[in-house]
Amino acid sequence: ILNSPGVIVVLYEALHSYRQIFTDGRALPKDP
């Protein structure tokens, strides 16, 4: 887990994948 302003990034060892968790106040997309 990497903390940064507005977004937390998660780097997964399995399958070299990643994830972004936005903490900047945005809403989830309505039609993703």
PDB file of all heavy atoms in Angstrom:
ATOM      1  N   ILE A   1       0.848  -1.185   0.000  1.00  0.00           N
ATOM      2  CA  ILE A   1       0.000   0.000   0.000  1.00  0.00           C
ATOM      3  C   ILE A   1       0.887   1.238   0.000  1.00  0.00           C
ATOM      4  O   ILE A   1       1.831   1.342   0.794  1.00  0.00           O
ATOM      5  CB  ILE A   1      -0.935   0.016   1.223  1.00  0.00           C
ATOM      6  CG1 ILE A   1      -1.875  -1.199   1.200  1.00  0.00           C
ATOM      7  CG2 ILE A   1      -1.743   1.307   1.261  1.00  0.00           C
ATOM      8  CD1 ILE A   1      -2.813  -1.287   2.395  1.00  0.00           C
ATOM      9  N   LEU A   2       0.585   2.162  -0.911  1.00  0.00           N
ATOM     10  CA  LEU A   2       1.305   3.427  -1.022  1.00  0.00           C
ATOM     11  C   LEU A   2       0.324   4.565  -0.806  1.00  0.00           C
ATOM     12  O   LEU A   2      -0.671   4.675  -1.524  1.00  0.00           O
ATOM     13  CB  LEU A   2       1.966   3.562  -2.399  1.00  0.00           C
ATOM     14  CG  LEU A   2       2.943   2.451  -2.811  1.00  0.00           C
ATOM     15  CD1 LEU A   2       3.371   2.637  -4.260  1.00  0.00           C
ATOM     16  CD2 LEU A   2       4.165   2.438  -1.893  1.00  0.00           C
ATOM     17  N   ASN A   3       0.581   5.412   0.178  1.00  0.00           N
ATOM     18  CA  ASN A   3      -0.263   6.576   0.439  1.00  0.00           C
ATOM     19  C   ASN A   3       0.235   7.779  -0.347  1.00  0.00           C
ATOM     20  O   ASN A   3       1.437   8.025  -0.418  1.00  0.00           O
ATOM     21  CB  ASN A   3      -0.217   6.940   1.927  1.00  0.00           C
ATOM     22  CG  ASN A   3      -1.257   6.215   2.740  1.00  0.00           C
ATOM     23  OD1 ASN A   3      -2.022   5.418   2.208  1.00  0.00           O
ATOM     24  ND2 ASN A   3      -1.290   6.468   4.028  1.00  0.00           N
ATOM     25  N   SER A   4      -0.682   8.522  -0.941  1.00  0.00           N
ATOM     26  CA  SER A   4      -0.343   9.805  -1.548  1.00  0.00           C
ATOM     27  C   SER A   4      -1.589  10.676  -1.497  1.00  0.00           C
ATOM     28  O   SER A   4      -2.709  10.166  -1.375  1.00  0.00           O
ATOM     29  CB  SER A   4       0.135   9.629  -2.995  1.00  0.00           C
ATOM     30  OG  SER A   4      -0.886   9.086  -3.807  1.00  0.00           O
ATOM     31  N   PRO A   5      -1.451  11.997  -1.577  1.00  0.00           N
ATOM     32  CA  PRO A   5      -2.618  12.880  -1.507  1.00  0.00           C
ATOM     33  C   PRO A   5      -3.618  12.594  -2.631  1.00  0.00           C
ATOM     34  O   PRO A   5      -3.265  12.557  -3.804  1.00  0.00           O
ATOM     35  CB  PRO A   5      -2.006  14.279  -1.650  1.00  0.00           C
ATOM     36  CG  PRO A   5      -0.598  14.128  -1.176  1.00  0.00           C
ATOM     37  CD  PRO A   5      -0.186  12.754  -1.623  1.00  0.00           C
ATOM     38  N   GLY A   6      -4.859  12.323  -2.259  1.00  0.00           N
ATOM     39  CA  GLY A   6      -5.917  12.129  -3.242  1.00  0.00           C
ATOM     40  C   GLY A   6      -6.071  10.729  -3.775  1.00  0.00           C
ATOM     41  O   GLY A   6      -7.088  10.414  -4.410  1.00  0.00           O
ATOM     42  N   VAL A   7      -5.104   9.862  -3.540  1.00  0.00           N
ATOM     43  CA  VAL A   7      -5.216   8.494  -4.061  1.00  0.00           C
ATOM     44  C   VAL A   7      -4.315   7.568  -3.245  1.00  0.00           C
ATOM     45  O   VAL A   7      -3.207   7.939  -2.852  1.00  0.00           O
ATOM     46  CB  VAL A   7      -4.853   8.411  -5.561  1.00  0.00           C
ATOM     47  CG1 VAL A   7      -3.398   8.797  -5.798  1.00  0.00           C
ATOM     48  CG2 VAL A   7      -5.154   7.028  -6.129  1.00  0.00           C
ATOM     49  N   ILE A   8      -4.820   6.380  -2.964  1.00  0.00           N
ATOM     50  CA  ILE A   8      -4.029   5.308  -2.354  1.00  0.00           C
ATOM     51  C   ILE A   8      -3.832   4.241  -3.423  1.00  0.00           C
ATOM     52  O   ILE A   8      -4.794   3.799  -4.053  1.00  0.00           O
ATOM     53  CB  ILE A   8      -4.740   4.725  -1.122  1.00  0.00           C
ATOM     54  CG1 ILE A   8      -4.826   5.791  -0.016  1.00  0.00           C
ATOM     55  CG2 ILE A   8      -4.029   3.483  -0.607  1.00  0.00           C
ATOM     56  CD1 ILE A   8      -5.662   5.367   1.179  1.00  0.00           C
ATOM     57  N   VAL A   9      -2.589   3.846  -3.649  1.00  0.00           N
ATOM     58  CA  VAL A   9      -2.264   2.858  -4.670  1.00  0.00           C
ATOM     59  C   VAL A   9      -1.899   1.542  -3.990  1.00  0.00           C
ATOM     60  O   VAL A   9      -1.156   1.530  -3.004  1.00  0.00           O
ATOM     61  CB  VAL A   9      -1.098   3.333  -5.561  1.00  0.00           C
ATOM     62  CG1 VAL A   9      -0.725   2.268  -6.583  1.00  0.00           C
ATOM     63  CG2 VAL A   9      -1.472   4.635  -6.271  1.00  0.00           C
ATOM     64  N   VAL A  10      -2.438   0.454  -4.503  1.00  0.00           N
ATOM     65  CA  VAL A  10      -2.130  -0.871  -3.979  1.00  0.00           C
ATOM     66  C   VAL A  10      -1.454  -1.669  -5.081  1.00  0.00           C
ATOM     67  O   VAL A  10      -1.997  -1.823  -6.182  1.00  0.00           O
ATOM     68  CB  VAL A  10      -3.387  -1.606  -3.494  1.00  0.00           C
ATOM     69  CG1 VAL A  10      -2.999  -2.898  -2.782  1.00  0.00           C
ATOM     70  CG2 VAL A  10      -4.212  -0.726  -2.558  1.00  0.00           C
ATOM     71  N   LEU A  11      -0.250  -2.156  -4.796  1.00  0.00           N
ATOM     72  CA  LEU A  11       0.505  -2.984  -5.734  1.00  0.00           C
ATOM     73  C   LEU A  11       0.423  -4.429  -5.266  1.00  0.00           C
ATOM     74  O   LEU A  11       0.862  -4.760  -4.158  1.00  0.00           O
ATOM     75  CB  LEU A  11       1.969  -2.537  -5.787  1.00  0.00           C
ATOM     76  CG  LEU A  11       2.230  -1.064  -6.093  1.00  0.00           C
ATOM     77  CD1 LEU A  11       3.732  -0.770  -6.035  1.00  0.00           C
ATOM     78  CD2 LEU A  11       1.661  -0.679  -7.440  1.00  0.00           C
ATOM     79  N   TYR A  12      -0.136  -5.288  -6.096  1.00  0.00           N
ATOM     80  CA  TYR A  12      -0.311  -6.696  -5.734  1.00  0.00           C
ATOM     81  C   TYR A  12       0.797  -7.539  -6.362  1.00  0.00           C
ATOM     82  O   TYR A  12       1.050  -7.435  -7.567  1.00  0.00           O
ATOM     83  CB  TYR A  12      -1.671  -7.203  -6.215  1.00  0.00           C
ATOM     84  CG  TYR A  12      -2.842  -6.525  -5.554  1.00  0.00           C
ATOM     85  CD1 TYR A  12      -3.544  -5.519  -6.206  1.00  0.00           C
ATOM     86  CD2 TYR A  12      -3.251  -6.887  -4.272  1.00  0.00           C
ATOM     87  CE1 TYR A  12      -4.623  -4.889  -5.608  1.00  0.00           C
ATOM     88  CE2 TYR A  12      -4.323  -6.262  -3.663  1.00  0.00           C
ATOM     89  CZ  TYR A  12      -5.008  -5.270  -4.331  1.00  0.00           C
ATOM     90  OH  TYR A  12      -6.078  -4.644  -3.740  1.00  0.00           O
ATOM     91  N   GLU A  13       1.420  -8.376  -5.540  1.00  0.00           N
ATOM     92  CA  GLU A  13       2.451  -9.258  -6.084  1.00  0.00           C
ATOM     93  C   GLU A  13       1.840 -10.245  -7.077  1.00  0.00           C
ATOM     94  O   GLU A  13       2.404 -10.501  -8.132  1.00  0.00           O
ATOM     95  CB  GLU A  13       3.149 -10.010  -4.955  1.00  0.00           C
ATOM     96  CG  GLU A  13       4.284 -10.903  -5.432  1.00  0.00           C
ATOM     97  CD  GLU A  13       5.032 -11.506  -4.278  1.00  0.00           C
ATOM     98  OE1 GLU A  13       5.707 -10.751  -3.549  1.00  0.00           O
ATOM     99  OE2 GLU A  13       4.947 -12.742  -4.101  1.00  0.00           O
ATOM    100  N   ALA A  14       0.684 -10.809  -6.734  1.00  0.00           N
ATOM    101  CA  ALA A  14       0.038 -11.778  -7.612  1.00  0.00           C
ATOM    102  C   ALA A  14      -0.328 -11.129  -8.941  1.00  0.00           C
ATOM    103  O   ALA A  14      -1.030 -10.113  -8.980  1.00  0.00           O
ATOM    104  CB  ALA A  14      -1.200 -12.355  -6.944  1.00  0.00           C
ATOM    105  N   LEU A  15       0.177 -11.686 -10.009  1.00  0.00           N
ATOM    106  CA  LEU A  15      -0.126 -11.241 -11.370  1.00  0.00           C
ATOM    107  C   LEU A  15       0.330  -9.811 -11.655  1.00  0.00           C
ATOM    108  O   LEU A  15      -0.104  -9.212 -12.631  1.00  0.00           O
ATOM    109  CB  LEU A  15      -1.632 -11.386 -11.674  1.00  0.00           C
ATOM    110  CG  LEU A  15      -2.126 -12.824 -11.706  1.00  0.00           C
ATOM    111  CD1 LEU A  15      -3.639 -12.869 -11.764  1.00  0.00           C
ATOM    112  CD2 LEU A  15      -1.521 -13.584 -12.871  1.00  0.00           C
ATOM    113  N   HIS A  16       1.213  -9.282 -10.805  1.00  0.00           N
ATOM    114  CA  HIS A  16       1.771  -7.940 -11.049  1.00  0.00           C
ATOM    115  C   HIS A  16       0.663  -6.930 -11.340  1.00  0.00           C
ATOM    116  O   HIS A  16       0.710  -6.171 -12.307  1.00  0.00           O
ATOM    117  CB  HIS A  16       2.750  -7.988 -12.230  1.00  0.00           C
ATOM    118  CG  HIS A  16       4.183  -7.950 -11.805  1.00  0.00           C
ATOM    119  ND1 HIS A  16       4.631  -8.588 -10.688  1.00  0.00           N
ATOM    120  CD2 HIS A  16       5.274  -7.332 -12.345  1.00  0.00           C
ATOM    121  CE1 HIS A  16       5.943  -8.394 -10.561  1.00  0.00           C
ATOM    122  NE2 HIS A  16       6.356  -7.639 -11.543  1.00  0.00           N
ATOM    123  N   SER A  17      -0.353  -6.908 -10.516  1.00  0.00           N
ATOM    124  CA  SER A  17      -1.500  -6.041 -10.757  1.00  0.00           C
ATOM    125  C   SER A  17      -1.502  -4.873  -9.772  1.00  0.00           C
ATOM    126  O   SER A  17      -0.718  -4.843  -8.822  1.00  0.00           O
ATOM    127  CB  SER A  17      -2.803  -6.840 -10.645  1.00  0.00           C
ATOM    128  OG  SER A  17      -2.844  -7.550  -9.417  1.00  0.00           O
ATOM    129  N   TYR A  18      -2.363  -3.922 -10.028  1.00  0.00           N
ATOM    130  CA  TYR A  18      -2.429  -2.744  -9.165  1.00  0.00           C
ATOM    131  C   TYR A  18      -3.866  -2.253  -9.067  1.00  0.00           C
ATOM    132  O   TYR A  18      -4.747  -2.645  -9.827  1.00  0.00           O
ATOM    133  CB  TYR A  18      -1.549  -1.609  -9.700  1.00  0.00           C
ATOM    134  CG  TYR A  18      -2.086  -0.971 -10.961  1.00  0.00           C
ATOM    135  CD1 TYR A  18      -2.909   0.153 -10.890  1.00  0.00           C
ATOM    136  CD2 TYR A  18      -1.806  -1.491 -12.213  1.00  0.00           C
ATOM    137  CE1 TYR A  18      -3.426   0.738 -12.040  1.00  0.00           C
ATOM    138  CE2 TYR A  18      -2.312  -0.920 -13.360  1.00  0.00           C
ATOM    139  CZ  TYR A  18      -3.120   0.191 -13.274  1.00  0.00           C
ATOM    140  OH  TYR A  18      -3.638   0.761 -14.410  1.00  0.00           O
ATOM    141  N   ARG A  19      -4.073  -1.346  -8.122  1.00  0.00           N
ATOM    142  CA  ARG A  19      -5.401  -0.803  -7.861  1.00  0.00           C
ATOM    143  C   ARG A  19      -5.258   0.636  -7.360  1.00  0.00           C
ATOM    144  O   ARG A  19      -4.304   0.956  -6.649  1.00  0.00           O
ATOM    145  CB  ARG A  19      -6.082  -1.664  -6.806  1.00  0.00           C
ATOM    146  CG  ARG A  19      -7.458  -1.221  -6.363  1.00  0.00           C
ATOM    147  CD  ARG A  19      -7.898  -2.080  -5.199  1.00  0.00           C
ATOM    148  NE  ARG A  19      -9.255  -1.804  -4.770  1.00  0.00           N
ATOM    149  CZ  ARG A  19      -9.768  -2.205  -3.607  1.00  0.00           C
ATOM    150  NH1 ARG A  19      -9.033  -2.921  -2.781  1.00  0.00           N
ATOM    151  NH2 ARG A  19     -10.992  -1.907  -3.280  1.00  0.00           N
ATOM    152  N   GLN A  20      -6.194   1.492  -7.752  1.00  0.00           N
ATOM    153  CA  GLN A  20      -6.222   2.865  -7.277  1.00  0.00           C
ATOM    154  C   GLN A  20      -7.489   3.103  -6.452  1.00  0.00           C
ATOM    155  O   GLN A  20      -8.588   2.788  -6.902  1.00  0.00           O
ATOM    156  CB  GLN A  20      -6.197   3.844  -8.449  1.00  0.00           C
ATOM    157  CG  GLN A  20      -4.952   3.745  -9.316  1.00  0.00           C
ATOM    158  CD  GLN A  20      -4.984   4.755 -10.444  1.00  0.00           C
ATOM    159  OE1 GLN A  20      -4.467   5.850 -10.329  1.00  0.00           O
ATOM    160  NE2 GLN A  20      -5.592   4.375 -11.550  1.00  0.00           N
ATOM    161  N   ILE A  21      -7.308   3.663  -5.265  1.00  0.00           N
ATOM    162  CA  ILE A  21      -8.427   4.038  -4.398  1.00  0.00           C
ATOM    163  C   ILE A  21      -8.403   5.560  -4.283  1.00  0.00           C
ATOM    164  O   ILE A  21      -7.517   6.131  -3.634  1.00  0.00           O
ATOM    165  CB  ILE A  21      -8.303   3.385  -3.012  1.00  0.00           C
ATOM    166  CG1 ILE A  21      -8.250   1.858  -3.136  1.00  0.00           C
ATOM    167  CG2 ILE A  21      -9.458   3.814  -2.115  1.00  0.00           C
ATOM    168  CD1 ILE A  21      -7.876   1.148  -1.843  1.00  0.00           C
ATOM    169  N   PHE A  22      -9.343   6.224  -4.924  1.00  0.00           N
ATOM    170  CA  PHE A  22      -9.335   7.684  -4.959  1.00  0.00           C
ATOM    171  C   PHE A  22      -9.960   8.245  -3.689  1.00  0.00           C
ATOM    172  O   PHE A  22     -11.063   7.860  -3.297  1.00  0.00           O
ATOM    173  CB  PHE A  22     -10.072   8.181  -6.192  1.00  0.00           C
ATOM    174  CG  PHE A  22      -9.339   7.870  -7.471  1.00  0.00           C
ATOM    175  CD1 PHE A  22      -9.688   6.767  -8.241  1.00  0.00           C
ATOM    176  CD2 PHE A  22      -8.283   8.664  -7.890  1.00  0.00           C
ATOM    177  CE1 PHE A  22      -9.004   6.469  -9.409  1.00  0.00           C
ATOM    178  CE2 PHE A  22      -7.592   8.376  -9.050  1.00  0.00           C
ATOM    179  CZ  PHE A  22      -7.944   7.275  -9.824  1.00  0.00           C
ATOM    180  N   THR A  23      -9.236   9.168  -3.053  1.00  0.00           N
ATOM    181  CA  THR A  23      -9.694   9.796  -1.810  1.00  0.00           C
ATOM    182  C   THR A  23      -9.855  11.299  -1.995  1.00  0.00           C
ATOM    183  O   THR A  23      -9.766  12.069  -1.028  1.00  0.00           O
ATOM    184  CB  THR A  23      -8.697   9.510  -0.681  1.00  0.00           C
ATOM    185  OG1 THR A  23      -7.387   9.972  -1.072  1.00  0.00           O
ATOM    186  CG2 THR A  23      -8.626   8.024  -0.376  1.00  0.00           C
ATOM    187  N   ASP A  24     -10.079  11.727  -3.244  1.00  0.00           N
ATOM    188  CA  ASP A  24     -10.163  13.154  -3.561  1.00  0.00           C
ATOM    189  C   ASP A  24     -11.592  13.679  -3.582  1.00  0.00           C
ATOM    190  O   ASP A  24     -11.850  14.781  -4.042  1.00  0.00           O
ATOM    191  CB  ASP A  24      -9.484  13.445  -4.904  1.00  0.00           C
ATOM    192  CG  ASP A  24     -10.061  12.602  -6.049  1.00  0.00           C
ATOM    193  OD1 ASP A  24     -11.036  11.854  -5.815  1.00  0.00           O
ATOM    194  OD2 ASP A  24      -9.529  12.691  -7.174  1.00  0.00           O
ATOM    195  N   GLY A  25     -12.544  12.878  -3.106  1.00  0.00           N
ATOM    196  CA  GLY A  25     -13.922  13.327  -3.007  1.00  0.00           C
ATOM    197  C   GLY A  25     -14.797  13.009  -4.201  1.00  0.00           C
ATOM    198  O   GLY A  25     -15.995  13.309  -4.194  1.00  0.00           O
ATOM    199  N   ARG A  26     -14.252  12.372  -5.219  1.00  0.00           N
ATOM    200  CA  ARG A  26     -15.057  12.014  -6.393  1.00  0.00           C
ATOM    201  C   ARG A  26     -16.073  10.928  -6.046  1.00  0.00           C
ATOM    202  O   ARG A  26     -15.906  10.191  -5.055  1.00  0.00           O
ATOM    203  CB  ARG A  26     -14.165  11.536  -7.536  1.00  0.00           C
ATOM    204  CG  ARG A  26     -13.535  10.170  -7.315  1.00  0.00           C
ATOM    205  CD  ARG A  26     -12.635   9.765  -8.466  1.00  0.00           C
ATOM    206  NE  ARG A  26     -11.474  10.639  -8.583  1.00  0.00           N
ATOM    207  CZ  ARG A  26     -10.616  10.572  -9.588  1.00  0.00           C
ATOM    208  NH1 ARG A  26     -10.785   9.668 -10.557  1.00  0.00           N
ATOM    209  NH2 ARG A  26      -9.570  11.388  -9.627  1.00  0.00           N
ATOM    210  N   ALA A  27     -17.096  10.804  -6.872  1.00  0.00           N
ATOM    211  CA  ALA A  27     -18.093   9.748  -6.715  1.00  0.00           C
ATOM    212  C   ALA A  27     -17.749   8.574  -7.623  1.00  0.00           C
ATOM    213  O   ALA A  27     -16.979   8.717  -8.589  1.00  0.00           O
ATOM    214  CB  ALA A  27     -19.481  10.286  -7.047  1.00  0.00           C
ATOM    215  N   LEU A  28     -18.334   7.425  -7.328  1.00  0.00           N
ATOM    216  CA  LEU A  28     -18.165   6.280  -8.218  1.00  0.00           C
ATOM    217  C   LEU A  28     -18.844   6.559  -9.552  1.00  0.00           C
ATOM    218  O   LEU A  28     -19.887   7.224  -9.597  1.00  0.00           O
ATOM    219  CB  LEU A  28     -18.770   5.022  -7.587  1.00  0.00           C
ATOM    220  CG  LEU A  28     -17.999   4.430  -6.397  1.00  0.00           C
ATOM    221  CD1 LEU A  28     -18.842   3.360  -5.717  1.00  0.00           C
ATOM    222  CD2 LEU A  28     -16.664   3.860  -6.856  1.00  0.00           C
ATOM    223  N   PRO A  29     -18.283   6.079 -10.665  1.00  0.00           N
ATOM    224  CA  PRO A  29     -18.923   6.303 -11.966  1.00  0.00           C
ATOM    225  C   PRO A  29     -20.291   5.636 -12.038  1.00  0.00           C
ATOM    226  O   PRO A  29     -20.487   4.537 -11.510  1.00  0.00           O
ATOM    227  CB  PRO A  29     -17.929   5.688 -12.959  1.00  0.00           C
ATOM    228  CG  PRO A  29     -17.081   4.761 -12.149  1.00  0.00           C
ATOM    229  CD  PRO A  29     -17.023   5.328 -10.775  1.00  0.00           C
ATOM    230  N   LYS A  30     -21.231   6.301 -12.698  1.00  0.00           N
ATOM    231  CA  LYS A  30     -22.604   5.796 -12.765  1.00  0.00           C
ATOM    232  C   LYS A  30     -22.784   4.703 -13.809  1.00  0.00           C
ATOM    233  O   LYS A  30     -23.628   3.818 -13.647  1.00  0.00           O
ATOM    234  CB  LYS A  30     -23.557   6.956 -13.047  1.00  0.00           C
ATOM    235  CG  LYS A  30     -23.644   7.969 -11.905  1.00  0.00           C
ATOM    236  CD  LYS A  30     -24.647   9.073 -12.213  1.00  0.00           C
ATOM    237  CE  LYS A  30     -24.745  10.050 -11.050  1.00  0.00           C
ATOM    238  NZ  LYS A  30     -25.731  11.142 -11.316  1.00  0.00           N
ATOM    239  N   ASP A  31     -22.024   4.747 -14.883  1.00  0.00           N
ATOM    240  CA  ASP A  31     -22.158   3.747 -15.945  1.00  0.00           C
ATOM    241  C   ASP A  31     -20.762   3.295 -16.375  1.00  0.00           C
ATOM    242  O   ASP A  31     -20.303   3.579 -17.477  1.00  0.00           O
ATOM    243  CB  ASP A  31     -22.921   4.322 -17.132  1.00  0.00           C
ATOM    244  CG  ASP A  31     -23.220   3.264 -18.195  1.00  0.00           C
ATOM    245  OD1 ASP A  31     -23.237   2.064 -17.850  1.00  0.00           O
ATOM    246  OD2 ASP A  31     -23.418   3.653 -19.366  1.00  0.00           O
ATOM    247  N   PRO A  32     -20.053   2.575 -15.484  1.00  0.00           N
ATOM    248  CA  PRO A  32     -18.656   2.243 -15.765  1.00  0.00           C
ATOM    249  C   PRO A  32     -18.498   1.114 -16.758  1.00  0.00           C
ATOM    250  O   PRO A  32     -19.394   0.283 -16.930  1.00  0.00           O
ATOM    251  CB  PRO A  32     -18.135   1.819 -14.386  1.00  0.00           C
ATOM    252  CG  PRO A  32     -19.340   1.224 -13.729  1.00  0.00           C
ATOM    253  CD  PRO A  32     -20.505   2.061 -14.182  1.00  0.00           C
TER     254      PRO A  32
END
